[in-house]
Protein backbone atom coordinates (compact mmCIF):
# COMPACT_ATOMS: atom_id res chain seq x y z
CA MET A 1 0.26 -0.01 -0.02
CA HIS A 2 1.44 3.28 -0.99
CA ALA A 3 0.62 6.69 1.14
CA ARG A 4 0.76 10.23 0.56
CA ALA A 5 1.90 12.77 3.17
CA ARG A 6 0.02 15.83 4.81
CA SER A 7 1.02 17.82 8.15
CA GLU A 8 -1.25 19.00 10.85
CA VAL A 9 -1.64 18.83 14.69
CA ALA A 10 -4.70 16.68 15.15
CA SER A 11 -4.21 14.84 18.60
CA ILE A 12 -2.25 14.91 21.70
CA ALA A 13 -0.37 11.86 20.59
CA GLU A 14 0.76 13.66 17.45
CA ALA A 15 1.79 16.60 19.67
CA HIS A 16 4.05 14.46 21.56
CA ALA A 17 5.44 12.89 18.36
CA LEU A 18 6.20 16.41 17.21
CA LEU A 19 8.29 16.91 20.29
CA GLY A 20 10.18 13.74 19.74
CA LEU A 21 8.56 11.95 22.59
CA ASP A 22 7.31 8.43 22.73
CA GLY A 23 4.43 9.50 25.00
CA PRO A 24 3.50 12.00 27.98
CA ALA A 25 6.19 13.87 29.86
CA GLU A 26 6.13 16.37 32.45
CA GLY A 27 8.43 19.01 34.11
CA GLU A 28 11.77 19.42 32.84
CA ALA A 29 11.81 16.37 30.44
CA LEU A 30 8.80 18.08 28.66
CA LYS A 31 10.45 21.45 28.50
CA ALA A 32 13.89 20.09 27.34
CA ALA A 33 11.88 18.08 24.42
CA PHE A 34 10.22 21.18 23.38
CA ARG A 35 13.40 23.35 23.46
CA ARG A 36 15.17 20.75 21.43
CA ALA A 37 12.44 20.65 18.82
CA ILE A 38 11.83 24.45 18.47
CA LYS A 39 15.55 25.04 18.14
CA ALA A 40 15.83 22.51 15.30
CA ALA A 41 12.69 23.99 13.42
CA ARG A 42 13.59 27.72 13.85
CA PRO A 43 13.32 29.24 10.19
CA ASP A 44 16.21 31.59 10.86
CA HIS A 45 18.59 28.54 11.55
CA PRO A 46 20.05 26.34 8.79
CA GLY A 47 17.65 23.61 8.02
CA GLY A 48 14.85 25.13 10.05
CA ASP A 49 11.33 25.24 8.63
CA ASP A 50 8.66 27.72 9.29
CA ALA A 51 5.74 25.18 8.91
CA GLN A 52 7.31 22.73 11.19
CA PHE A 53 8.11 25.69 13.57
CA ARG A 54 4.50 26.67 13.94
CA ARG A 55 3.43 22.88 14.58
CA ILE A 56 5.79 22.64 17.14
CA ILE A 57 4.40 25.64 18.97
CA ALA A 58 0.73 24.43 18.38
CA ALA A 59 1.86 21.08 19.76
CA TRP A 60 3.36 22.70 22.88
CA GLY A 61 0.00 24.81 23.53
CA LEU A 62 -2.00 21.62 22.80
CA ILE A 63 0.04 19.65 25.59
CA LYS A 64 -0.08 22.47 28.01
CA MET A 65 -3.92 23.02 27.51
CA GLN A 66 -4.25 19.23 28.50
CA GLY A 67 -1.77 19.20 31.37
CA PRO A 68 -2.35 18.05 34.88
CA GLY A 69 -5.39 19.40 36.48
CA ARG A 70 -6.87 20.98 33.33
CA LEU A 71 -9.12 19.24 30.59
CA ALA A 72 -9.60 21.03 27.46
CA LEU A 73 -13.01 19.18 27.19
CA PRO A 74 -15.29 17.35 29.47
CA ALA A 75 -14.13 13.89 30.41
CA PRO A 76 -15.57 11.52 27.87
CA ARG A 77 -18.03 8.67 29.13
CA GLN A 78 -15.83 6.01 27.49
CA ARG A 79 -12.23 5.91 27.19
CA PRO A 80 -11.18 7.00 23.83
CA SER A 81 -9.08 4.77 21.51
CA LEU A 82 -5.21 5.52 21.45
CA THR A 83 -4.21 7.19 18.27
CA THR A 84 -2.35 4.68 15.88
CA VAL A 85 1.01 5.93 14.85
CA ILE A 86 3.35 4.80 11.89
CA PRO A 87 6.64 3.91 14.06
CA LEU A 88 9.85 4.30 12.03
CA SER A 89 13.44 3.58 12.96
CA PRO A 90 15.83 6.33 12.05
CA MET A 91 17.11 4.06 9.09
CA GLN A 92 13.73 3.54 7.81
CA ALA A 93 13.09 7.32 7.85
CA LEU A 94 16.65 7.44 5.81
CA GLN A 95 15.82 4.75 3.38
CA GLY A 96 12.10 4.28 3.25
CA GLY A 97 10.78 0.73 2.81
CA GLU A 98 8.13 -1.65 4.14
CA VAL A 99 6.46 -1.26 7.60
CA SER A 100 3.81 -3.24 9.30
CA VAL A 101 0.95 -1.34 11.20
CA SER A 102 -1.55 -3.16 13.29
CA LEU A 103 -5.15 -1.68 13.16
CA GLY A 104 -7.21 -3.70 15.54
CA ARG A 105 -7.19 -7.30 14.11
CA ARG A 106 -5.66 -6.24 10.83
CA THR A 107 -2.00 -5.73 9.89
CA LEU A 108 -1.24 -3.60 7.18
CA ASN A 109 2.04 -3.41 5.12
CA ILE A 110 2.78 0.08 4.09
CA HIS A 111 5.47 1.31 1.89
CA VAL A 112 6.96 4.51 3.29
CA PRO A 113 9.01 6.96 1.15
CA ALA A 114 12.45 8.04 2.30
CA GLY A 115 12.73 11.33 4.19
CA LEU A 116 9.38 11.44 6.22
CA ARG A 117 9.59 13.46 9.46
CA THR A 118 8.09 12.96 12.75
CA GLY A 119 4.56 14.76 12.77
CA GLU A 120 3.89 14.10 9.07
CA HIS A 121 0.89 12.20 8.20
CA LEU A 122 0.54 9.24 5.87
CA ARG A 123 -2.80 8.94 3.86
CA LEU A 124 -3.79 5.18 3.64
CA ARG A 125 -6.30 4.93 1.02
CA GLY A 126 -9.42 2.86 1.83
CA ALA A 127 -7.83 1.50 5.10
CA GLY A 128 -10.78 2.72 7.33
CA PRO A 129 -13.16 0.02 8.56
CA ASP A 130 -15.73 1.57 6.32
CA GLY A 131 -13.43 1.84 3.31
CA SER A 132 -12.60 5.34 4.00
CA ASP A 133 -9.12 6.86 4.10
CA LEU A 134 -6.86 7.01 7.31
CA HIS A 135 -4.45 9.67 8.12
CA LEU A 136 -2.00 8.34 10.57
CA PRO A 137 1.13 10.38 12.08
CA VAL A 138 4.55 9.27 11.64
CA LEU A 139 6.60 8.78 14.83
CA ILE A 140 10.64 8.26 14.39
CA ARG A 141 11.70 6.40 17.45
CA PRO A 142 15.26 6.70 18.52
CA THR A 143 17.60 3.59 18.70
CA ALA A 144 20.81 2.88 20.76
CA ALA A 145 22.86 4.17 17.83
CA LEU A 146 20.75 6.97 16.24
CA ARG A 147 18.17 9.64 16.99
CA VAL A 148 16.35 12.07 14.72
CA MET A 149 15.56 15.66 15.64
CA GLY A 150 14.04 17.78 12.54
CA ASP A 151 15.97 17.07 9.56
CA ASP A 152 19.12 15.95 11.32
CA LEU A 153 20.53 12.84 12.73
CA TYR A 154 22.56 12.59 16.09
CA MET A 155 24.94 9.76 17.27
CA ARG A 156 27.72 9.42 19.73
CA TRP A 157 31.23 8.13 18.90
CA SER A 158 34.08 7.18 21.38
CA VAL A 159 37.57 8.63 20.83
CA PRO A 160 40.60 8.71 23.00
CA GLN A 161 40.81 11.65 25.31
CA ARG A 162 44.28 12.34 24.19
CA LEU A 163 42.80 13.03 20.61
CA LEU A 164 40.39 15.56 21.98
CA ASP A 165 43.09 17.32 23.94
CA ASP A 166 45.86 17.19 21.26
CA GLY A 167 43.88 17.24 18.03
CA GLY A 168 44.36 14.92 15.11
CA ARG A 169 42.15 12.93 12.70
CA VAL A 170 39.19 11.04 13.90
CA GLU A 171 37.27 8.42 11.88
CA VAL A 172 33.68 7.90 12.45
CA GLU A 173 31.73 4.71 11.48
CA THR A 174 28.51 6.32 10.25
CA HIS A 175 25.31 4.64 8.39
CA ALA A 176 26.88 5.94 5.24
CA GLY A 177 30.17 4.20 5.76
CA LEU A 178 33.37 5.40 7.39
CA ARG A 179 33.75 9.15 7.46
CA SER A 180 36.70 11.17 8.90
CA ALA A 181 37.39 14.83 10.22
CA TRP A 182 40.07 16.82 11.82
CA ILE A 183 39.84 17.91 15.49
CA ILE A 184 42.00 21.09 16.25
CA ALA A 185 43.69 21.05 19.49
CA GLY A 186 42.11 23.03 22.25
CA THR A 187 38.77 23.65 20.45
CA MET A 188 36.83 20.59 21.82
CA ARG A 189 34.39 21.05 24.82
CA PRO A 190 32.11 18.46 26.30
CA THR A 191 29.14 19.92 24.30
CA THR A 192 31.01 20.12 21.02
CA GLN A 193 29.69 18.10 18.14
CA LEU A 194 31.28 17.38 14.61
CA ARG A 195 28.88 18.10 11.74
CA LEU A 196 28.99 15.80 8.87
CA LYS A 197 27.13 17.55 5.91
CA GLY A 198 24.51 15.99 4.01
CA LEU A 199 24.20 12.66 6.02
CA GLY A 200 20.83 13.53 7.68
CA LEU A 201 17.58 12.93 6.33
CA PRO A 202 16.95 13.26 2.65
CA ALA A 203 15.32 16.37 1.33
CA ARG A 204 11.67 16.11 0.84
CA GLY A 205 9.27 18.67 -0.44
CA LYS A 206 10.20 21.95 1.37
CA ARG A 207 12.43 20.18 3.85
CA PRO A 208 16.18 20.53 3.21
CA GLN A 209 18.73 17.68 3.26
CA GLY A 210 19.87 17.29 6.80
CA HIS A 211 23.15 16.57 8.43
CA LEU A 212 24.61 13.97 10.96
CA PHE A 213 25.88 15.49 14.43
CA VAL A 214 28.61 13.35 16.19
CA ALA A 215 29.14 13.81 19.83
CA LEU A 216 32.59 12.75 20.71
CA THR A 217 32.85 11.09 24.05
CA PRO A 218 36.32 10.33 25.50
CA CYS A 219 37.20 6.82 26.20
CA ALA A 220 40.42 5.13 27.51
CA ASP A 221 43.40 5.99 25.56
CA ALA A 222 44.58 3.34 23.13
CA PRO A 223 48.22 3.28 22.40
CA SER A 224 49.38 5.07 19.10
CA SER A 225 50.93 3.08 16.30
CA ALA A 226 54.56 4.13 17.43
CA GLU A 227 53.93 3.49 21.15
CA ASP A 228 52.54 -0.16 20.20
CA LEU A 229 55.63 -0.80 18.12
CA LEU A 230 57.90 0.32 21.07
CA MET A 231 55.84 -1.84 23.56
CA ARG A 232 56.47 -4.81 21.31
CA PHE A 233 60.07 -4.23 20.97
CA THR A 234 60.49 -4.00 24.69
CA ARG A 235 58.71 -7.22 25.15
CA VAL A 236 61.06 -8.96 22.76
CA TRP A 237 64.33 -7.34 23.03
CA THR A 238 65.10 -7.85 26.75
CA PRO A 239 68.34 -6.51 28.42
CA GLU A 240 69.62 -10.13 28.39
CA ARG A 241 69.02 -10.46 24.64
CA ILE A 242 70.61 -6.98 23.89
CA ALA A 243 73.67 -7.90 26.08
CA ALA A 244 74.09 -11.37 24.03
């Protein structure tokens, strides 16, 4: 089944998805998610999008309206059904492909195009119980290796602390293969990230090509090639062998 995308904030579940949340959140966690999402979508920043910026603001307002102790509407007599979302991994958002979605007792196999963003809707023709069209929101869920924010991808990569301090070439294994970058001595801070241009979500409609941001985390120093050679030399050429 092929789908066509449209965008709107239609439910509280979609509002959470627009902020990059899997479900309800409160306090600082909710504020932090909103700050990340609004920063990524700011139209005056590279990769920002005015329509997405407005949707995120609308999502924040909807969540605040239905916060603890305040209901936007009278409590329903029956518990409403949860909104079905189309869950994607970051790699599925990158490449597109086939996704299975459960609708009650039915399971639909949906072809999703590459480059979908969280909060977009897919139109499923004739997928409703009465043969009508369904419009389901997309939710890109993070994995241990990758997460998506707006148009961009984020990941972590471990490098020796010495490399962060002294500078040099770092090689990063990305979803697109091995990429290298240069670290300048004295410029790395705990919050510094490498930006690998063009390795984010592909361009789609008015949304531009995203980038891949790599947070470098220090790990135990591995010996350099020269140090490794010296250690092997000292293990083999003991003082007794040198004297002989």
